Amino acid sequence: MKTLREELAEVLSVEDEAKRADAIAKFCQRHSDRLPLPGEDSKFDKAMWAASEYMNLSKKDEGIVARVTERLLAQSAPAVEKAVLKMRDLVGSARETAIAAWQEMLAATSWQQMVPAGALRGVGAQMVSLGTFQKDLGGANIQVNLGWMVDQDNLRILVQAKDAEQEALPEVELRIKEADRGVVFSRKTNQDGAMVAPSVKVEPGKYQLEILWNGQTAETPYFLI
C-alpha cells in the first residue's frame, strides 16, 4: 500500500500541468482527513501552490478556505498577544527574559539590534532603554533609539535616517501608535536626518513605532506600558 508521500510523488509526476492540478484536487479529496497543515510539508505546499494557478476554487472550496482561515487567525491571536513586550519586565526579575524576547521580536520584523536593550540609568527618573535598532527601508537606513521614563510614563525617541551614500534624509516620518487609539504622536526628521523627541507623554497601553518613507512603512513590535 502506497504512503501519502509516495502517492503525492506519483501525482506530481504527471507532466501536463492542468491534468496534474486535477490529480492533486482528487488526491486532496481522497485524503482530506489527513492532509498536512500549511508549513508541515514543503513539497505538499509547493504542489498546492502550483495547482492553484490552473484551477479556480468552487464556492464550496472558498467557504472551506474562509472557515480554515478564520480558525487559524483565532488561534494565532493569543500568540500575537504574547509577543507584546511588557516594559515593566525590564525593571524586575524577568529582565533578561524580557530583553531576549524584545531582541527576538525585533529580528522577526527585520529590525537589527545595534545597542542592547535593558540599560537602566538615572536621569531625574528611572529610564529603561530598549536600545538602538536599525532597518533598511526603501534605500534609507533608519536607526531608532527608544527609551521609557518609568516614573513619568514618557517615551524618549531618537531617529537618524541616511541614504545609501550616508547622506542625511529629511522628511522621514515617525509615528507612535497605540493599539486602540491609533496615532498619538507624529514628527519628521529635520535637514540633518534626525528626529528628537525627548519626552512624549503616553498613557498605559500597547504601543508601536511606525516609520514612513517614500511610500513604504516599517513597524516595530508592540510594547506594553
Protein backbone atom coordinates (compact mmCIF):
# COMPACT_ATOMS: atom_id res chain seq x y z
CA MET A 1 0.00 0.00 0.00
CA LYS A 2 1.39 3.39 -1.01
CA THR A 3 2.17 6.00 1.60
CA LEU A 4 0.76 9.51 1.36
CA ARG A 5 4.10 10.89 0.17
CA GLU A 6 4.51 8.15 -2.43
CA GLU A 7 1.05 8.81 -3.83
CA LEU A 8 1.73 12.55 -3.88
CA ALA A 9 5.01 11.95 -5.74
CA GLU A 10 3.10 9.94 -8.33
CA VAL A 11 0.56 12.74 -8.75
CA LEU A 12 3.31 15.31 -9.17
CA SER A 13 4.96 13.23 -11.87
CA VAL A 14 2.06 13.97 -14.26
CA GLU A 15 3.60 16.17 -16.96
CA ASP A 16 0.52 18.03 -18.18
CA GLU A 17 0.03 20.91 -15.73
CA ALA A 18 -3.76 21.10 -15.98
CA LYS A 19 -4.09 17.31 -15.54
CA ARG A 20 -1.67 17.46 -12.63
CA ALA A 21 -3.81 20.11 -10.96
CA ASP A 22 -6.88 17.93 -11.40
CA ALA A 23 -5.00 14.94 -9.97
CA ILE A 24 -3.95 16.98 -6.94
CA ALA A 25 -7.59 18.01 -6.36
CA LYS A 26 -8.67 14.36 -6.39
CA PHE A 27 -5.75 13.46 -4.12
CA CYS A 28 -6.90 16.07 -1.61
CA GLN A 29 -10.48 14.79 -1.73
CA ARG A 30 -9.36 11.20 -1.06
CA HIS A 31 -7.16 12.16 1.87
CA SER A 32 -8.99 15.20 3.25
CA ASP A 33 -8.88 13.79 6.79
CA ARG A 34 -5.07 13.52 6.96
CA LEU A 35 -3.58 16.18 4.73
CA PRO A 36 -0.59 18.07 6.18
CA LEU A 37 -1.26 21.54 7.53
CA PRO A 38 0.35 24.51 5.75
CA GLY A 39 4.03 24.64 6.64
CA GLU A 40 4.29 21.00 7.72
CA ASP A 41 5.32 19.61 4.33
CA SER A 42 7.09 21.94 1.91
CA LYS A 43 6.61 19.52 -1.01
CA PHE A 44 2.87 19.46 -0.49
CA ASP A 45 2.76 23.26 -0.07
CA LYS A 46 4.56 23.73 -3.40
CA ALA A 47 2.22 21.28 -5.11
CA MET A 48 -0.86 23.10 -3.84
CA TRP A 49 0.57 26.47 -4.87
CA ALA A 50 1.35 25.21 -8.37
CA ALA A 51 -2.08 23.62 -8.73
CA SER A 52 -3.82 26.84 -7.72
CA GLU A 53 -2.52 28.51 -10.89
CA TYR A 54 -4.55 26.15 -13.08
CA MET A 55 -7.75 25.77 -11.09
CA ASN A 56 -10.46 28.05 -9.77
CA LEU A 57 -11.94 27.40 -6.34
CA SER A 58 -15.55 26.31 -6.26
CA LYS A 59 -17.94 28.16 -3.95
CA LYS A 60 -17.77 25.22 -1.56
CA ASP A 61 -13.97 25.30 -1.57
CA GLU A 62 -13.98 29.06 -0.98
CA GLY A 63 -16.20 28.50 2.05
CA ILE A 64 -13.80 25.88 3.40
CA VAL A 65 -10.81 28.19 2.91
CA ALA A 66 -12.67 31.01 4.68
CA ARG A 67 -13.53 28.82 7.67
CA VAL A 68 -9.98 27.46 7.96
CA THR A 69 -8.53 30.97 7.69
CA GLU A 70 -10.84 32.30 10.40
CA ARG A 71 -9.90 29.41 12.69
CA LEU A 72 -6.17 29.94 12.12
CA LEU A 73 -6.50 33.66 12.83
CA ALA A 74 -8.42 32.95 16.01
CA GLN A 75 -5.70 30.51 17.12
CA SER A 76 -2.92 32.97 16.32
CA ALA A 77 -4.47 35.85 18.29
CA PRO A 78 -3.21 34.60 21.71
CA ALA A 79 0.27 34.09 20.22
CA VAL A 80 0.30 37.68 18.92
CA GLU A 81 -0.79 38.91 22.34
CA LYS A 82 2.06 37.01 23.99
CA ALA A 83 4.53 38.66 21.62
CA VAL A 84 3.84 42.08 23.14
CA LEU A 85 6.77 43.13 25.32
CA LYS A 86 5.82 44.19 28.86
CA MET A 87 8.14 47.11 29.52
CA ARG A 88 7.94 46.69 33.28
CA ASP A 89 9.51 43.23 32.95
CA LEU A 90 12.73 45.03 32.00
CA VAL A 91 12.81 46.52 35.50
CA GLY A 92 12.04 43.41 37.54
CA SER A 93 13.29 39.87 37.89
CA ALA A 94 12.22 38.94 34.35
CA ARG A 95 14.67 41.47 32.86
CA GLU A 96 16.94 39.06 30.98
CA THR A 97 13.98 37.14 29.60
CA ALA A 98 12.32 40.38 28.52
CA ILE A 99 15.50 41.58 26.78
CA ALA A 100 15.80 38.30 24.89
CA ALA A 101 12.12 38.44 23.92
CA TRP A 102 12.46 42.01 22.62
CA GLN A 103 15.51 41.15 20.54
CA GLU A 104 13.74 38.12 19.06
CA MET A 105 10.71 40.26 18.25
CA LEU A 106 12.89 42.84 16.51
CA ALA A 107 14.61 40.14 14.47
CA ALA A 108 11.25 38.67 13.45
CA THR A 109 10.25 42.04 11.99
CA SER A 110 13.64 42.54 10.26
CA TRP A 111 15.00 45.12 12.70
CA GLN A 112 18.64 44.70 13.67
CA GLN A 113 19.61 45.42 17.28
CA MET A 114 22.70 47.64 17.43
CA VAL A 115 22.83 48.58 21.12
CA PRO A 116 21.31 46.06 23.55
CA ALA A 117 18.11 46.77 25.43
CA GLY A 118 17.65 46.96 29.15
CA ALA A 119 20.15 49.55 30.37
CA LEU A 120 18.87 51.38 33.42
CA ARG A 121 20.15 54.79 34.40
CA GLY A 122 19.07 57.79 36.39
CA VAL A 123 18.24 60.98 34.51
CA GLY A 124 15.99 62.55 37.10
CA ALA A 125 13.78 59.49 36.83
CA GLN A 126 14.39 55.83 36.16
CA MET A 127 14.72 55.06 32.44
CA VAL A 128 14.51 51.73 30.66
CA SER A 129 16.22 51.59 27.29
CA LEU A 130 15.03 49.31 24.50
CA GLY A 131 18.35 50.04 22.86
CA THR A 132 19.19 51.23 19.36
CA PHE A 133 17.99 49.24 16.37
CA GLN A 134 18.03 49.78 12.64
CA LYS A 135 16.32 48.76 9.42
CA ASP A 136 16.74 49.43 5.71
CA LEU A 137 13.59 50.89 4.19
CA GLY A 138 13.36 51.77 0.51
CA GLY A 139 17.02 52.77 0.22
CA ALA A 140 17.04 54.50 3.60
CA ASN A 141 18.84 53.28 6.70
CA ILE A 142 16.70 54.08 9.73
CA GLN A 143 18.16 53.97 13.23
CA VAL A 144 15.90 54.29 16.26
CA ASN A 145 16.79 54.69 19.93
CA LEU A 146 13.87 54.09 22.25
CA GLY A 147 13.66 54.71 25.99
CA TRP A 148 10.90 54.73 28.59
CA MET A 149 10.86 57.04 31.60
CA VAL A 150 9.35 54.63 34.09
CA ASP A 151 8.13 57.08 36.75
CA GLN A 152 6.62 59.54 34.29
CA ASP A 153 5.28 57.25 31.53
CA ASN A 154 7.21 59.25 28.95
CA LEU A 155 8.84 57.83 25.82
CA ARG A 156 12.22 59.16 24.70
CA ILE A 157 12.89 58.63 20.99
CA LEU A 158 15.81 59.47 18.73
CA VAL A 159 15.74 58.75 14.99
CA GLN A 160 18.55 59.04 12.45
CA ALA A 161 17.85 58.49 8.72
CA LYS A 162 20.50 58.25 5.98
CA ASP A 163 20.55 57.20 2.34
CA ALA A 164 22.89 54.67 0.69
CA GLU A 165 25.64 57.33 0.46
CA GLN A 166 25.27 58.08 4.19
CA GLU A 167 23.69 61.44 3.41
CA ALA A 168 21.04 62.75 5.81
CA LEU A 169 17.41 62.12 4.85
CA PRO A 170 14.86 64.76 5.92
CA GLU A 171 11.09 64.21 5.91
CA VAL A 172 11.23 60.64 7.23
CA GLU A 173 8.19 60.40 9.49
CA LEU A 174 7.95 58.63 12.81
CA ARG A 175 4.59 57.88 14.37
CA ILE A 176 3.71 56.43 17.75
CA LYS A 177 0.61 54.25 17.50
CA GLU A 178 -1.49 52.88 20.33
CA ALA A 179 -3.36 49.67 19.56
CA ASP A 180 -6.80 51.04 20.44
CA ARG A 181 -6.39 54.79 19.86
CA GLY A 182 -4.26 54.88 16.71
CA VAL A 183 -1.61 57.56 16.12
CA VAL A 184 -0.84 59.58 19.27
CA PHE A 185 2.36 61.32 18.10
CA SER A 186 3.96 62.17 14.75
CA ARG A 187 7.15 64.01 13.78
CA LYS A 188 9.52 64.07 10.78
CA THR A 189 13.31 64.13 10.57
CA ASN A 190 14.95 67.52 10.00
CA GLN A 191 17.57 68.55 7.42
CA ASP A 192 20.18 66.63 9.41
CA GLY A 193 18.11 63.46 9.05
CA ALA A 194 17.40 63.49 12.77
CA MET A 195 14.24 63.46 14.84
CA VAL A 196 14.45 64.06 18.59
CA ALA A 197 11.52 63.52 20.93
CA PRO A 198 12.95 63.65 24.47
CA SER A 199 9.62 63.44 26.28
CA VAL A 200 6.43 62.06 24.73
CA LYS A 201 3.71 61.62 27.34
CA VAL A 202 1.88 58.32 26.93
CA GLU A 203 -0.91 56.67 28.86
CA PRO A 204 -0.91 52.98 29.82
CA GLY A 205 -1.47 50.96 26.65
CA LYS A 206 0.05 48.90 23.86
CA TYR A 207 2.29 50.89 21.54
CA GLN A 208 4.50 50.53 18.49
CA LEU A 209 6.65 52.87 16.42
CA GLU A 210 5.90 53.31 12.73
CA ILE A 211 8.38 54.73 10.21
CA LEU A 212 7.09 56.11 6.90
CA TRP A 213 9.39 56.87 3.99
CA ASN A 214 8.93 57.06 0.23
CA GLY A 215 5.58 55.25 0.28
CA GLN A 216 6.89 52.44 2.48
CA THR A 217 6.24 51.63 6.12
CA ALA A 218 8.24 49.86 8.83
CA GLU A 219 6.78 48.98 12.21
CA THR A 220 8.42 47.89 15.45
CA PRO A 221 6.91 45.14 17.59
CA TYR A 222 4.33 46.22 20.15
CA PHE A 223 5.40 47.07 23.69
CA LEU A 224 3.12 47.39 26.69
CA ILE A 225 3.31 50.32 29.10
